[in-house]
Amino acid sequence: MNFPKNITLFFILGILSILAGIIYAIILITGNSAQDGLLGIYILMGLIPVFLVLLIDRLLVKRFGNEKVNKVQFSFLLFIILLWIVRFIANL
């Protein structure tokens, strides 16, 4: 089994966000107010794009390999960080 070799950045972040989102949504849904329950349902609906990203990630890893997919994902992450830095400098 090659599972440890096929781990990517988006896979780790996706699994962590799914776990955190489900736990927090369960806490909110079982809360006292209707607003908390509605927020819990919104969080669960927000997990649908995360599942899609994980599905696409697994398909790309199967097709292109772990190293190529990780290079693209790290490049995308660095580009997002660069945009945040530019926004921070522009707002000064």
C-alpha atoms as a PDB file:
ATOM      1  CA  MET A   1       0.000   0.000   0.000  1.00  0.00           C
ATOM      2  CA  ASN A   2       1.428   3.371  -1.079  1.00  0.00           C
ATOM      3  CA  PHE A   3      -0.753   5.591   1.093  1.00  0.00           C
ATOM      4  CA  PRO A   4       2.039   7.477   2.932  1.00  0.00           C
ATOM      5  CA  LYS A   5       3.740   8.166  -0.391  1.00  0.00           C
ATOM      6  CA  ASN A   6       0.591   9.686  -1.920  1.00  0.00           C
ATOM      7  CA  ILE A   7      -0.067  12.385   0.670  1.00  0.00           C
ATOM      8  CA  THR A   8      -0.410  15.905  -0.728  1.00  0.00           C
ATOM      9  CA  LEU A   9      -0.835  19.361   0.781  1.00  0.00           C
ATOM     10  CA  PHE A  10      -4.511  19.693  -0.156  1.00  0.00           C
ATOM     11  CA  PHE A  11      -5.231  16.179   1.103  1.00  0.00           C
ATOM     12  CA  ILE A  12      -3.886  16.961   4.578  1.00  0.00           C
ATOM     13  CA  LEU A  13      -5.594  20.361   4.742  1.00  0.00           C
ATOM     14  CA  GLY A  14      -8.842  18.887   3.415  1.00  0.00           C
ATOM     15  CA  ILE A  15      -8.950  16.066   5.963  1.00  0.00           C
ATOM     16  CA  LEU A  16      -8.187  18.484   8.813  1.00  0.00           C
ATOM     17  CA  SER A  17     -10.877  20.934   7.690  1.00  0.00           C
ATOM     18  CA  ILE A  18     -13.424  18.139   7.299  1.00  0.00           C
ATOM     19  CA  LEU A  19     -12.740  16.841  10.796  1.00  0.00           C
ATOM     20  CA  ALA A  20     -12.835  20.307  12.359  1.00  0.00           C
ATOM     21  CA  GLY A  21     -15.950  21.283  10.371  1.00  0.00           C
ATOM     22  CA  ILE A  22     -17.911  18.162  11.304  1.00  0.00           C
ATOM     23  CA  ILE A  23     -17.027  18.457  14.994  1.00  0.00           C
ATOM     24  CA  TYR A  24     -17.901  22.160  15.137  1.00  0.00           C
ATOM     25  CA  ALA A  25     -21.107  21.640  13.121  1.00  0.00           C
ATOM     26  CA  ILE A  26     -22.264  18.888  15.495  1.00  0.00           C
ATOM     27  CA  ILE A  27     -21.617  21.159  18.478  1.00  0.00           C
ATOM     28  CA  LEU A  28     -23.586  23.972  16.846  1.00  0.00           C
ATOM     29  CA  ILE A  29     -26.490  21.822  15.636  1.00  0.00           C
ATOM     30  CA  THR A  30     -27.028  20.432  19.134  1.00  0.00           C
ATOM     31  CA  GLY A  31     -26.911  23.953  20.576  1.00  0.00           C
ATOM     32  CA  ASN A  32     -29.748  25.882  22.163  1.00  0.00           C
ATOM     33  CA  SER A  33     -30.706  28.409  19.519  1.00  0.00           C
ATOM     34  CA  ALA A  34     -31.960  28.126  15.979  1.00  0.00           C
ATOM     35  CA  GLN A  35     -29.211  30.443  14.761  1.00  0.00           C
ATOM     36  CA  ASP A  36     -26.572  28.020  16.034  1.00  0.00           C
ATOM     37  CA  GLY A  37     -28.249  25.117  14.291  1.00  0.00           C
ATOM     38  CA  LEU A  38     -28.461  27.059  11.060  1.00  0.00           C
ATOM     39  CA  LEU A  39     -24.781  27.967  11.270  1.00  0.00           C
ATOM     40  CA  GLY A  40     -23.960  24.284  11.806  1.00  0.00           C
ATOM     41  CA  ILE A  41     -25.912  23.391   8.669  1.00  0.00           C
ATOM     42  CA  TYR A  42     -24.097  26.131   6.724  1.00  0.00           C
ATOM     43  CA  ILE A  43     -20.766  24.690   7.863  1.00  0.00           C
ATOM     44  CA  LEU A  44     -21.816  21.239   6.673  1.00  0.00           C
ATOM     45  CA  MET A  45     -22.799  22.712   3.300  1.00  0.00           C
ATOM     46  CA  GLY A  46     -19.396  24.394   3.155  1.00  0.00           C
ATOM     47  CA  LEU A  47     -17.747  20.987   3.362  1.00  0.00           C
ATOM     48  CA  ILE A  48     -19.109  19.985  -0.059  1.00  0.00           C
ATOM     49  CA  PRO A  49     -16.428  21.987  -1.967  1.00  0.00           C
ATOM     50  CA  VAL A  50     -13.779  20.475   0.306  1.00  0.00           C
ATOM     51  CA  PHE A  51     -14.954  16.987  -0.659  1.00  0.00           C
ATOM     52  CA  LEU A  52     -14.791  17.985  -4.337  1.00  0.00           C
ATOM     53  CA  VAL A  53     -11.237  19.318  -3.946  1.00  0.00           C
ATOM     54  CA  LEU A  54     -10.218  16.064  -2.241  1.00  0.00           C
ATOM     55  CA  LEU A  55     -11.788  14.039  -5.037  1.00  0.00           C
ATOM     56  CA  ILE A  56     -10.015  16.073  -7.719  1.00  0.00           C
ATOM     57  CA  ASP A  57      -6.771  15.838  -5.753  1.00  0.00           C
ATOM     58  CA  ARG A  58      -6.953  12.046  -5.569  1.00  0.00           C
ATOM     59  CA  LEU A  59      -7.736  11.790  -9.285  1.00  0.00           C
ATOM     60  CA  LEU A  60      -4.793  14.022 -10.176  1.00  0.00           C
ATOM     61  CA  VAL A  61      -2.440  12.075  -7.901  1.00  0.00           C
ATOM     62  CA  LYS A  62      -3.522   8.840  -9.531  1.00  0.00           C
ATOM     63  CA  ARG A  63      -3.004  10.267 -13.011  1.00  0.00           C
ATOM     64  CA  PHE A  64       0.123  12.461 -12.664  1.00  0.00           C
ATOM     65  CA  GLY A  65       1.826  11.277  -9.501  1.00  0.00           C
ATOM     66  CA  ASN A  66       2.419  12.740  -6.107  1.00  0.00           C
ATOM     67  CA  GLU A  67       5.466  14.905  -6.850  1.00  0.00           C
ATOM     68  CA  LYS A  68       3.960  16.819  -9.771  1.00  0.00           C
ATOM     69  CA  VAL A  69       0.703  17.476  -7.934  1.00  0.00           C
ATOM     70  CA  ASN A  70       2.555  18.664  -4.820  1.00  0.00           C
ATOM     71  CA  LYS A  71       4.633  21.109  -6.905  1.00  0.00           C
ATOM     72  CA  VAL A  72       1.492  22.638  -8.377  1.00  0.00           C
ATOM     73  CA  GLN A  73      -0.247  22.805  -4.988  1.00  0.00           C
ATOM     74  CA  PHE A  74       2.719  24.481  -3.283  1.00  0.00           C
ATOM     75  CA  SER A  75       2.981  26.956  -6.170  1.00  0.00           C
ATOM     76  CA  PHE A  76      -0.713  27.762  -5.789  1.00  0.00           C
ATOM     77  CA  LEU A  77      -0.294  28.218  -2.025  1.00  0.00           C
ATOM     78  CA  LEU A  78       2.704  30.528  -2.504  1.00  0.00           C
ATOM     79  CA  PHE A  79       0.741  32.571  -5.053  1.00  0.00           C
ATOM     80  CA  ILE A  80      -2.121  33.009  -2.553  1.00  0.00           C
ATOM     81  CA  ILE A  81       0.351  34.075   0.151  1.00  0.00           C
ATOM     82  CA  LEU A  82       1.900  36.562  -2.283  1.00  0.00           C
ATOM     83  CA  LEU A  83      -1.536  38.030  -2.983  1.00  0.00           C
ATOM     84  CA  TRP A  84      -2.159  38.428   0.764  1.00  0.00           C
ATOM     85  CA  ILE A  85       1.157  40.224   1.158  1.00  0.00           C
ATOM     86  CA  VAL A  86       0.375  42.567  -1.744  1.00  0.00           C
ATOM     87  CA  ARG A  87      -3.062  43.300  -0.263  1.00  0.00           C
ATOM     88  CA  PHE A  88      -1.521  44.022   3.133  1.00  0.00           C
ATOM     89  CA  ILE A  89       1.032  46.418   1.600  1.00  0.00           C
ATOM     90  CA  ALA A  90      -1.636  48.116  -0.534  1.00  0.00           C
ATOM     91  CA  ASN A  91      -3.825  48.723   2.528  1.00  0.00           C
ATOM     92  CA  LEU A  92      -1.075  50.547   4.408  1.00  0.00           C
END
